[in-house]
Amino acid sequence: PDPDIKTNDTIRLDLTTGKILDYAKFEAGNTVMISGGNNIGRVGTITHREKHPGSFEIVHVKDAAGHAFNTRLENVCVIGKGNQPWISLPKGNGVKLSIIEDRAQRMSKAKK
């Protein structure tokens, strides 16, 4: 194991050889996907990490539309370095629409 890889970092693994190809640190500026909680499925970049000893650590994330949200550390998974994700993103690039935006989008699809 690489001594630079710490807890919450993400690695790219070659399945045939079992070797680590690359890794992404859990730090501000890297692309993340939310895997639990109310923000599940959202994609954004880490802006800040709050440490609360004896309680939950909070991660501040900003998505591509400029919306900022917070979630627990356990719900966050790094998916790429900088703004380049290592995986293909879901429809809408992981941006959660507001209720009004979602309704307008559905109405425009229904008219077609």
Protein backbone atom coordinates (compact mmCIF):
# COMPACT_ATOMS: atom_id res chain seq x y z
CA PRO A 1 0.00 0.00 0.00
CA ASP A 2 1.07 3.53 -0.81
CA PRO A 3 1.81 5.52 2.38
CA ASP A 4 0.31 8.67 0.76
CA ILE A 5 -3.16 7.07 0.57
CA LYS A 6 -5.21 7.88 3.66
CA THR A 7 -8.73 7.18 4.91
CA ASN A 8 -11.52 8.49 2.60
CA ASP A 9 -9.17 8.70 -0.42
CA THR A 10 -10.26 6.86 -3.58
CA ILE A 11 -8.05 4.56 -5.63
CA ARG A 12 -8.20 3.32 -9.23
CA LEU A 13 -7.39 -0.37 -9.26
CA ASP A 14 -6.33 -2.58 -12.17
CA LEU A 15 -8.50 -5.65 -11.62
CA THR A 16 -6.28 -7.99 -13.65
CA THR A 17 -3.05 -7.25 -11.78
CA GLY A 18 -4.41 -5.88 -8.50
CA LYS A 19 -2.11 -2.85 -8.73
CA ILE A 20 -3.14 0.69 -7.79
CA LEU A 21 -3.12 2.85 -10.94
CA ASP A 22 -3.97 6.21 -9.40
CA TYR A 23 -5.56 7.77 -6.35
CA ALA A 24 -7.57 10.90 -5.52
CA LYS A 25 -7.13 12.60 -2.16
CA PHE A 26 -10.12 13.64 -0.05
CA GLU A 27 -9.38 17.36 -0.21
CA ALA A 28 -10.96 20.62 -1.33
CA GLY A 29 -11.31 20.96 -5.11
CA ASN A 30 -11.84 17.28 -5.95
CA THR A 31 -15.03 15.92 -7.52
CA VAL A 32 -17.32 13.94 -5.21
CA MET A 33 -20.61 12.05 -5.40
CA ILE A 34 -23.02 11.89 -2.49
CA SER A 35 -23.94 8.29 -1.66
CA GLY A 36 -26.43 8.79 1.18
CA GLY A 37 -28.76 11.19 2.95
CA ASN A 38 -31.11 13.75 1.39
CA ASN A 39 -28.53 14.74 -1.27
CA ILE A 40 -28.01 11.20 -2.63
CA GLY A 41 -26.84 11.14 -6.25
CA ARG A 42 -25.62 14.74 -6.35
CA VAL A 43 -22.19 15.52 -7.77
CA GLY A 44 -19.99 18.49 -6.93
CA THR A 45 -16.62 19.65 -5.68
CA ILE A 46 -15.48 19.80 -2.06
CA THR A 47 -15.20 23.36 -0.81
CA HIS A 48 -14.60 22.80 2.91
CA ARG A 49 -14.50 20.10 5.59
CA GLU A 50 -15.60 20.82 9.17
CA LYS A 51 -14.18 18.64 11.90
CA HIS A 52 -16.30 18.18 15.01
CA PRO A 53 -14.54 15.95 17.57
CA GLY A 54 -16.96 13.48 19.10
CA SER A 55 -19.63 14.19 16.50
CA PHE A 56 -20.16 13.99 12.75
CA GLU A 57 -17.73 15.64 10.36
CA ILE A 58 -19.48 17.89 7.83
CA VAL A 59 -18.38 18.32 4.21
CA HIS A 60 -19.39 21.42 2.22
CA VAL A 61 -19.96 20.73 -1.49
CA LYS A 62 -20.75 23.00 -4.46
CA ASP A 63 -22.34 21.55 -7.61
CA ALA A 64 -21.96 22.58 -11.26
CA ALA A 65 -25.04 24.86 -11.07
CA GLY A 66 -23.46 26.81 -8.19
CA HIS A 67 -25.73 25.39 -5.47
CA ALA A 68 -23.91 24.75 -2.19
CA PHE A 69 -24.97 22.03 0.25
CA ASN A 70 -23.59 20.16 3.26
CA THR A 71 -23.60 16.50 4.22
CA ARG A 72 -21.92 14.09 6.60
CA LEU A 73 -18.47 12.75 5.77
CA GLU A 74 -19.78 9.16 5.59
CA ASN A 75 -22.07 10.13 2.66
CA VAL A 76 -19.27 11.48 0.43
CA CYS A 77 -17.14 9.54 -2.07
CA VAL A 78 -14.37 11.10 -4.18
CA ILE A 79 -14.90 10.25 -7.88
CA GLY A 80 -12.13 12.26 -9.53
CA LYS A 81 -9.30 14.74 -9.32
CA GLY A 82 -10.16 18.40 -9.78
CA ASN A 83 -13.17 18.83 -12.08
CA GLN A 84 -12.51 15.61 -14.05
CA PRO A 85 -14.60 12.66 -12.79
CA TRP A 86 -13.20 9.15 -13.32
CA ILE A 87 -16.69 7.71 -13.86
CA SER A 88 -19.57 8.54 -16.18
CA LEU A 89 -22.04 10.86 -14.46
CA PRO A 90 -25.82 10.36 -14.21
CA LYS A 91 -28.33 12.30 -16.29
CA GLY A 92 -28.01 16.02 -15.56
CA ASN A 93 -24.43 15.57 -14.29
CA GLY A 94 -25.65 15.06 -10.73
CA VAL A 95 -27.25 18.51 -10.41
CA LYS A 96 -30.43 18.48 -8.35
CA LEU A 97 -33.10 20.76 -9.77
CA SER A 98 -35.35 22.86 -7.58
CA ILE A 99 -39.05 22.00 -7.51
CA ILE A 100 -39.87 24.84 -9.92
CA GLU A 101 -37.05 23.92 -12.35
CA ASP A 102 -38.06 20.25 -12.26
CA ARG A 103 -41.72 21.09 -12.97
CA ALA A 104 -40.78 23.37 -15.88
CA GLN A 105 -38.60 20.66 -17.38
CA ARG A 106 -41.37 18.05 -17.07
CA MET A 107 -43.93 20.40 -18.59
CA SER A 108 -41.69 21.13 -21.60
CA LYS A 109 -41.21 17.38 -22.19
CA ALA A 110 -44.98 16.80 -21.97
CA LYS A 111 -45.67 19.42 -24.66
CA LYS A 112 -43.44 17.63 -27.18
